[in-house]
C-alpha atoms as a PDB file:
ATOM      1  CA  MET A   1       6.766  11.607   1.775  1.00  0.00           C
ATOM      2  CA  ARG A   2       6.600  14.360   4.129  1.00  0.00           C
ATOM      3  CA  GLN A   3       2.861  12.991   5.098  1.00  0.00           C
ATOM      4  CA  GLY A   4       4.293   9.677   5.490  1.00  0.00           C
ATOM      5  CA  ILE A   5       7.496  10.763   8.053  1.00  0.00           C
ATOM      6  CA  GLN A   6       4.864  12.911   9.962  1.00  0.00           C
ATOM      7  CA  LYS A   7       3.137   9.581  10.482  1.00  0.00           C
ATOM      8  CA  ILE A   8       5.493   7.713  11.675  1.00  0.00           C
ATOM      9  CA  GLY A   9       6.947  10.478  13.715  1.00  0.00           C
ATOM     10  CA  ARG A  10       9.918   9.685  15.824  1.00  0.00           C
ATOM     11  CA  TRP A  11      10.952   6.458  14.041  1.00  0.00           C
ATOM     12  CA  ALA A  12      11.091   8.556  10.325  1.00  0.00           C
ATOM     13  CA  ARG A  13      14.571   8.633  10.447  1.00  0.00           C
ATOM     14  CA  PRO A  14      15.905   5.057  11.731  1.00  0.00           C
ATOM     15  CA  VAL A  15      13.180   3.670   9.098  1.00  0.00           C
ATOM     16  CA  LEU A  16      14.631   5.595   6.173  1.00  0.00           C
ATOM     17  CA  TYR A  17      18.028   4.849   6.931  1.00  0.00           C
ATOM     18  CA  PHE A  18      17.273   1.095   7.323  1.00  0.00           C
ATOM     19  CA  VAL A  19      15.226   1.220   4.005  1.00  0.00           C
ATOM     20  CA  ALA A  20      18.639   2.837   2.198  1.00  0.00           C
ATOM     21  CA  VAL A  21      20.930   0.302   3.599  1.00  0.00           C
ATOM     22  CA  ALA A  22      18.327  -2.620   2.813  1.00  0.00           C
ATOM     23  CA  SER A  23      18.529  -1.296  -0.972  1.00  0.00           C
ATOM     24  CA  LEU A  24      22.401  -0.815  -1.142  1.00  0.00           C
ATOM     25  CA  LEU A  25      23.133  -4.707   0.530  1.00  0.00           C
ATOM     26  CA  SER A  26      20.024  -5.929  -2.180  1.00  0.00           C
ATOM     27  CA  SER A  27      21.499  -4.604  -5.029  1.00  0.00           C
ATOM     28  CA  ALA A  28      24.613  -5.865  -4.237  1.00  0.00           C
ATOM     29  CA  GLY A  29      23.178  -9.427  -3.347  1.00  0.00           C
ATOM     30  CA  LEU A  30      21.585  -8.867  -6.830  1.00  0.00           C
ATOM     31  CA  ILE A  31      24.467  -8.469  -9.076  1.00  0.00           C
ATOM     32  CA  LEU A  32      27.786  -9.508  -6.851  1.00  0.00           C
ATOM     33  CA  PRO A  33      26.680 -13.231  -6.672  1.00  0.00           C
ATOM     34  CA  ALA A  34      25.745 -13.355 -10.903  1.00  0.00           C
ATOM     35  CA  ALA A  35      28.682 -11.264 -11.849  1.00  0.00           C
ATOM     36  CA  SER A  36      31.328 -13.318  -9.558  1.00  0.00           C
ATOM     37  CA  GLY A  37      29.353 -17.162 -10.397  1.00  0.00           C
ATOM     38  CA  MET A  38      29.809 -17.548  -6.269  1.00  0.00           C
ATOM     39  CA  TYR A  39      27.150 -17.738  -4.108  1.00  0.00           C
ATOM     40  CA  THR A  40      24.575 -17.666  -6.707  1.00  0.00           C
ATOM     41  CA  TRP A  41      21.857 -18.748  -4.074  1.00  0.00           C
ATOM     42  CA  ILE A  42      22.257 -15.461  -2.635  1.00  0.00           C
ATOM     43  CA  THR A  43      20.261 -13.638  -5.714  1.00  0.00           C
ATOM     44  CA  PRO A  44      16.806 -15.187  -5.597  1.00  0.00           C
ATOM     45  CA  LEU A  45      17.060 -15.186  -1.548  1.00  0.00           C
ATOM     46  CA  THR A  46      17.803 -11.094  -1.971  1.00  0.00           C
ATOM     47  CA  ALA A  47      15.101 -10.362  -4.247  1.00  0.00           C
ATOM     48  CA  ALA A  48      12.455 -12.511  -2.458  1.00  0.00           C
ATOM     49  CA  VAL A  49      13.704 -10.118   0.334  1.00  0.00           C
ATOM     50  CA  LEU A  50      13.736  -6.837  -1.723  1.00  0.00           C
ATOM     51  CA  ALA A  51      10.298  -8.052  -2.907  1.00  0.00           C
ATOM     52  CA  GLY A  52       9.043  -8.076   0.716  1.00  0.00           C
ATOM     53  CA  LEU A  53      10.843  -4.838   0.960  1.00  0.00           C
ATOM     54  CA  MET A  54       8.628  -3.359  -1.697  1.00  0.00           C
ATOM     55  CA  LEU A  55       5.284  -4.942  -0.638  1.00  0.00           C
ATOM     56  CA  LEU A  56       5.979  -2.958   2.330  1.00  0.00           C
ATOM     57  CA  SER A  57       6.649   0.336   0.608  1.00  0.00           C
ATOM     58  CA  ILE A  58       3.155  -0.005  -1.601  1.00  0.00           C
ATOM     59  CA  LEU A  59       1.159  -0.582   2.273  1.00  0.00           C
ATOM     60  CA  PHE A  60       2.738   2.582   3.832  1.00  0.00           C
ATOM     61  CA  HIS A  61       2.747   4.743   0.544  1.00  0.00           C
ATOM     62  CA  ILE A  62      -1.665   3.149   0.460  1.00  0.00           C
ATOM     63  CA  GLN A  63      -1.694   4.030   4.163  1.00  0.00           C
ATOM     64  CA  CYS A  64      -0.412   7.525   3.635  1.00  0.00           C
ATOM     65  CA  ARG A  65      -2.228   8.125   0.590  1.00  0.00           C
ATOM     66  CA  GLU A  66       0.863   9.047  -1.664  1.00  0.00           C
ATOM     67  CA  LYS A  67      -0.947   7.559  -5.003  1.00  0.00           C
ATOM     68  CA  PRO A  68       2.271   9.012  -7.284  1.00  0.00           C
ATOM     69  CA  ASN A  69       4.558   7.081  -5.187  1.00  0.00           C
ATOM     70  CA  ILE A  70       2.339   3.369  -5.321  1.00  0.00           C
ATOM     71  CA  LEU A  71       2.576   2.661  -9.315  1.00  0.00           C
ATOM     72  CA  PRO A  72       6.419   2.695  -8.963  1.00  0.00           C
ATOM     73  CA  SER A  73       6.944   0.476  -6.111  1.00  0.00           C
ATOM     74  CA  ILE A  74       4.481  -1.629  -8.089  1.00  0.00           C
ATOM     75  CA  ILE A  75       6.629  -2.082 -10.738  1.00  0.00           C
ATOM     76  CA  LEU A  76       9.840  -2.881  -8.719  1.00  0.00           C
ATOM     77  CA  PHE A  77       8.088  -5.433  -6.637  1.00  0.00           C
ATOM     78  CA  ALA A  78       6.837  -7.212 -10.130  1.00  0.00           C
ATOM     79  CA  LEU A  79      10.676  -6.646 -11.187  1.00  0.00           C
ATOM     80  CA  VAL A  80      11.847  -8.299  -8.411  1.00  0.00           C
ATOM     81  CA  ALA A  81       9.520 -10.957  -7.883  1.00  0.00           C
ATOM     82  CA  VAL A  82       9.911 -11.951 -11.603  1.00  0.00           C
ATOM     83  CA  VAL A  83      13.797 -12.274 -10.305  1.00  0.00           C
ATOM     84  CA  ALA A  84      13.237 -14.009  -7.143  1.00  0.00           C
ATOM     85  CA  TYR A  85      10.781 -16.446  -8.899  1.00  0.00           C
ATOM     86  CA  GLY A  86      13.218 -17.014 -12.384  1.00  0.00           C
ATOM     87  CA  ARG A  87      16.484 -17.444 -10.286  1.00  0.00           C
ATOM     88  CA  TRP A  88      14.724 -19.613  -8.029  1.00  0.00           C
ATOM     89  CA  ILE A  89      13.169 -21.990 -10.582  1.00  0.00           C
ATOM     90  CA  LEU A  90      16.070 -21.504 -13.138  1.00  0.00           C
ATOM     91  CA  ALA A  91      18.997 -21.149 -11.179  1.00  0.00           C
ATOM     92  CA  PRO A  92      20.688 -24.907  -9.922  1.00  0.00           C
ATOM     93  CA  LEU A  93      21.529 -24.326  -6.638  1.00  0.00           C
END
């Protein structure tokens, strides 16, 4: 990860903060609508956005040649893609 931070340069800290905040908001967007029963359309939308974030993460790790970090990103992408697809198709809007 240190190599990736060096490649980004001065944008490293803002990018890491953005990813941290986006991950926290995404986790809330995945859990709270289903738990409360309100605004259930947010769950598939959040999962789709999180899948896009995971794709960017995969590309970042490939570019920085961080092979051990690619597999967890692929697994997380697959999980949120399944949630997005399942909720979009199965959940009534």
